[in-house]
Each structure stands twice: as structure tokens, then as C-alpha cells.
PDB file of N, CA and C in Angstrom:
ATOM      1  N   UNK A   1      13.518  59.633  29.295  1.00  0.00           N
ATOM      2  CA  UNK A   1      14.380  58.660  29.773  1.00  0.00           C
ATOM      3  C   UNK A   1      15.577  58.800  29.058  1.00  0.00           C
ATOM      4  N   UNK A   2      16.618  58.604  29.699  1.00  0.00           N
ATOM      5  CA  UNK A   2      18.042  58.669  29.203  1.00  0.00           C
ATOM      6  C   UNK A   2      18.494  57.286  28.763  1.00  0.00           C
ATOM      7  N   UNK A   3      19.004  57.380  27.671  1.00  0.00           N
ATOM      8  CA  UNK A   3      19.594  55.981  26.973  1.00  0.00           C
ATOM      9  C   UNK A   3      21.070  56.206  26.594  1.00  0.00           C
ATOM     10  N   UNK A   4      21.950  55.552  27.012  1.00  0.00           N
ATOM     11  CA  UNK A   4      23.351  55.535  26.831  1.00  0.00           C
ATOM     12  C   UNK A   4      23.720  55.376  25.448  1.00  0.00           C
ATOM     13  N   UNK A   5      24.695  56.290  24.898  1.00  0.00           N
ATOM     14  CA  UNK A   5      24.763  56.263  23.381  1.00  0.00           C
ATOM     15  C   UNK A   5      25.227  54.947  22.734  1.00  0.00           C
ATOM     16  N   UNK A   6      25.923  54.131  23.609  1.00  0.00           N
ATOM     17  CA  UNK A   6      26.389  52.782  23.058  1.00  0.00           C
ATOM     18  C   UNK A   6      25.168  51.845  23.086  1.00  0.00           C
ATOM     19  N   UNK A   7      24.063  52.028  23.828  1.00  0.00           N
ATOM     20  CA  UNK A   7      22.900  51.309  23.570  1.00  0.00           C
ATOM     21  C   UNK A   7      22.027  51.802  22.244  1.00  0.00           C
ATOM     22  N   UNK A   8      22.174  53.162  21.971  1.00  0.00           N
ATOM     23  CA  UNK A   8      21.695  53.681  20.730  1.00  0.00           C
ATOM     24  C   UNK A   8      22.420  53.105  19.555  1.00  0.00           C
ATOM     25  N   UNK A   9      23.568  53.204  19.591  1.00  0.00           N
ATOM     26  CA  UNK A   9      24.550  52.725  18.531  1.00  0.00           C
ATOM     27  C   UNK A   9      24.257  51.227  18.277  1.00  0.00           C
ATOM     28  N   UNK A  10      24.180  50.413  19.420  1.00  0.00           N
ATOM     29  CA  UNK A  10      23.838  48.889  19.179  1.00  0.00           C
ATOM     30  C   UNK A  10      22.346  48.744  18.491  1.00  0.00           C
ATOM     31  N   UNK A  11      21.580  49.484  18.835  1.00  0.00           N
ATOM     32  CA  UNK A  11      20.127  49.387  18.205  1.00  0.00           C
ATOM     33  C   UNK A  11      20.071  49.791  16.745  1.00  0.00           C
ATOM     34  N   UNK A  12      20.927  50.884  16.400  1.00  0.00           N
ATOM     35  CA  UNK A  12      21.060  51.304  15.076  1.00  0.00           C
ATOM     36  C   UNK A  12      21.792  50.338  14.273  1.00  0.00           C
ATOM     37  N   UNK A  13      22.709  49.613  14.708  1.00  0.00           N
ATOM     38  CA  UNK A  13      23.496  48.611  13.927  1.00  0.00           C
ATOM     39  C   UNK A  13      22.498  47.363  13.704  1.00  0.00           C
ATOM     40  N   UNK A  14      21.806  47.109  14.672  1.00  0.00           N
ATOM     41  CA  UNK A  14      20.836  45.968  14.600  1.00  0.00           C
ATOM     42  C   UNK A  14      19.793  46.371  13.333  1.00  0.00           C
ATOM     43  N   UNK A  15      19.268  47.487  13.565  1.00  0.00           N
ATOM     44  CA  UNK A  15      18.360  48.084  12.600  1.00  0.00           C
ATOM     45  C   UNK A  15      18.954  47.919  11.135  1.00  0.00           C
ATOM     46  N   UNK A  16      20.203  48.313  11.149  1.00  0.00           N
ATOM     47  CA  UNK A  16      20.917  48.370   9.637  1.00  0.00           C
ATOM     48  C   UNK A  16      21.108  46.991   9.191  1.00  0.00           C
ATOM     49  N   UNK A  17      21.462  46.122  10.031  1.00  0.00           N
ATOM     50  CA  UNK A  17      21.637  44.777   9.485  1.00  0.00           C
ATOM     51  C   UNK A  17      20.234  44.168   9.121  1.00  0.00           C
ATOM     52  N   UNK A  18      19.253  44.424   9.858  1.00  0.00           N
ATOM     53  CA  UNK A  18      17.942  43.896   9.601  1.00  0.00           C
ATOM     54  C   UNK A  18      17.309  44.359   8.379  1.00  0.00           C
ATOM     55  N   UNK A  19      17.782  45.647   8.154  1.00  0.00           N
ATOM     56  CA  UNK A  19      17.278  46.197   6.694  1.00  0.00           C
ATOM     57  C   UNK A  19      18.046  45.767   5.685  1.00  0.00           C
ATOM     58  N   UNK A  20      19.414  45.442   5.876  1.00  0.00           N
ATOM     59  CA  UNK A  20      20.035  44.783   4.883  1.00  0.00           C
ATOM     60  C   UNK A  20      19.696  43.410   4.327  1.00  0.00           C
ATOM     61  N   UNK A  21      19.402  42.671   5.275  1.00  0.00           N
ATOM     62  CA  UNK A  21      18.737  41.308   5.146  1.00  0.00           C
ATOM     63  C   UNK A  21      17.570  41.346   4.462  1.00  0.00           C
ATOM     64  N   UNK A  22      16.687  42.292   4.808  1.00  0.00           N
ATOM     65  CA  UNK A  22      15.337  42.230   4.255  1.00  0.00           C
ATOM     66  C   UNK A  22      15.642  42.867   2.718  1.00  0.00           C
ATOM     67  N   UNK A  23      16.418  43.650   2.324  1.00  0.00           N
ATOM     68  CA  UNK A  23      16.622  44.031   1.087  1.00  0.00           C
ATOM     69  C   UNK A  23      17.378  43.007   0.127  1.00  0.00           C
ATOM     70  N   UNK A  24      18.056  42.186   0.785  1.00  0.00           N
ATOM     71  CA  UNK A  24      18.701  41.010  -0.044  1.00  0.00           C
ATOM     72  C   UNK A  24      17.691  40.054  -0.219  1.00  0.00           C
ATOM     73  N   UNK A  25      16.719  39.766   0.713  1.00  0.00           N
ATOM     74  CA  UNK A  25      15.593  38.654   0.553  1.00  0.00           C
ATOM     75  C   UNK A  25      14.658  39.147  -0.573  1.00  0.00           C
ATOM     76  N   UNK A  26      14.559  40.705  -0.821  1.00  0.00           N
ATOM     77  CA  UNK A  26      13.700  41.119  -2.032  1.00  0.00           C
ATOM     78  C   UNK A  26      14.480  41.017  -3.330  1.00  0.00           C
ATOM     79  N   UNK A  27      15.781  40.695  -3.087  1.00  0.00           N
ATOM     80  CA  UNK A  27      16.457  40.599  -4.545  1.00  0.00           C
ATOM     81  C   UNK A  27      17.259  41.946  -4.863  1.00  0.00           C
ATOM     82  N   UNK A  28      17.336  43.023  -4.029  1.00  0.00           N
ATOM     83  CA  UNK A  28      18.039  44.378  -4.280  1.00  0.00           C
ATOM     84  C   UNK A  28      19.309  43.954  -3.959  1.00  0.00           C
ATOM     85  N   UNK A  29      20.302  44.516  -4.977  1.00  0.00           N
ATOM     86  CA  UNK A  29      21.709  44.207  -4.899  1.00  0.00           C
ATOM     87  C   UNK A  29      22.246  45.298  -3.774  1.00  0.00           C
ATOM     88  N   UNK A  30      23.153  44.856  -2.970  1.00  0.00           N
ATOM     89  CA  UNK A  30      23.838  45.778  -1.975  1.00  0.00           C
ATOM     90  C   UNK A  30      24.570  47.023  -2.897  1.00  0.00           C
ATOM     91  N   UNK A  31      24.398  48.331  -2.191  1.00  0.00           N
ATOM     92  CA  UNK A  31      25.354  49.343  -2.657  1.00  0.00           C
ATOM     93  C   UNK A  31      26.637  49.117  -2.602  1.00  0.00           C
ATOM     94  N   UNK A  32      27.604  49.681  -3.447  1.00  0.00           N
ATOM     95  CA  UNK A  32      28.919  49.710  -3.598  1.00  0.00           C
ATOM     96  C   UNK A  32      29.354  51.151  -3.518  1.00  0.00           C
ATOM     97  N   UNK A  33      30.701  51.300  -3.213  1.00  0.00           N
ATOM     98  CA  UNK A  33      31.295  52.427  -3.270  1.00  0.00           C
ATOM     99  C   UNK A  33      30.990  53.302  -4.592  1.00  0.00           C
ATOM    100  N   UNK A  34      31.028  52.409  -5.641  1.00  0.00           N
ATOM    101  CA  UNK A  34      30.625  53.181  -7.122  1.00  0.00           C
ATOM    102  C   UNK A  34      29.452  53.768  -7.019  1.00  0.00           C
ATOM    103  N   UNK A  35      28.293  53.040  -6.509  1.00  0.00           N
ATOM    104  CA  UNK A  35      27.091  53.649  -6.430  1.00  0.00           C
ATOM    105  C   UNK A  35      26.778  54.869  -5.729  1.00  0.00           C
ATOM    106  N   UNK A  36      27.767  55.026  -4.835  1.00  0.00           N
ATOM    107  CA  UNK A  36      27.935  56.390  -3.995  1.00  0.00           C
ATOM    108  C   UNK A  36      28.461  57.618  -4.591  1.00  0.00           C
ATOM    109  N   UNK A  37      29.128  57.445  -5.822  1.00  0.00           N
ATOM    110  CA  UNK A  37      29.605  58.403  -6.502  1.00  0.00           C
ATOM    111  C   UNK A  37      28.689  59.612  -6.950  1.00  0.00           C
ATOM    112  N   UNK A  38      27.565  59.396  -7.144  1.00  0.00           N
ATOM    113  CA  UNK A  38      26.585  60.468  -7.605  1.00  0.00           C
ATOM    114  C   UNK A  38      26.202  61.126  -6.380  1.00  0.00           C
ATOM    115  N   UNK A  39      26.475  60.859  -5.139  1.00  0.00           N
ATOM    116  CA  UNK A  39      26.071  61.612  -3.951  1.00  0.00           C
ATOM    117  C   UNK A  39      26.991  62.728  -3.671  1.00  0.00           C
ATOM    118  N   UNK A  40      26.216  63.898  -3.543  1.00  0.00           N
ATOM    119  CA  UNK A  40      27.120  65.020  -3.297  1.00  0.00           C
ATOM    120  C   UNK A  40      27.280  65.369  -1.844  1.00  0.00           C
ATOM    121  N   UNK A  41      28.557  65.381  -1.160  1.00  0.00           N
ATOM    122  CA  UNK A  41      28.553  65.555   0.163  1.00  0.00           C
ATOM    123  C   UNK A  41      28.914  67.018   0.270  1.00  0.00           C
ATOM    124  N   UNK A  42      28.251  67.711   1.128  1.00  0.00           N
ATOM    125  CA  UNK A  42      28.604  69.104   1.590  1.00  0.00           C
ATOM    126  C   UNK A  42      29.280  69.145   2.923  1.00  0.00           C
TER     127      UNK A  42
END
């Protein structure tokens, strides 16, 4: 089954928001740009 990329993007955004809310409910602090300084991009 083919799914339009905009539908996939919408689903990914909804999943990310849900994950963010669940993490906040558990008491996890949101990541910041400073937290990402240790990530190595290639």
C-alpha cells in the first residue's frame, strides 16, 4: 500500500509529540541544544 509522504510526516510528528508528552509525564527533562553537543555528526 502506498502512503503519501505528507501522511507519513504527519504520523511521525504526532508520534514525536506523544513521546515528548510521555517523557515529561515521567519527569524527564526535555533535551536542549547543549545536550546534543556530545553527539558526533558524520
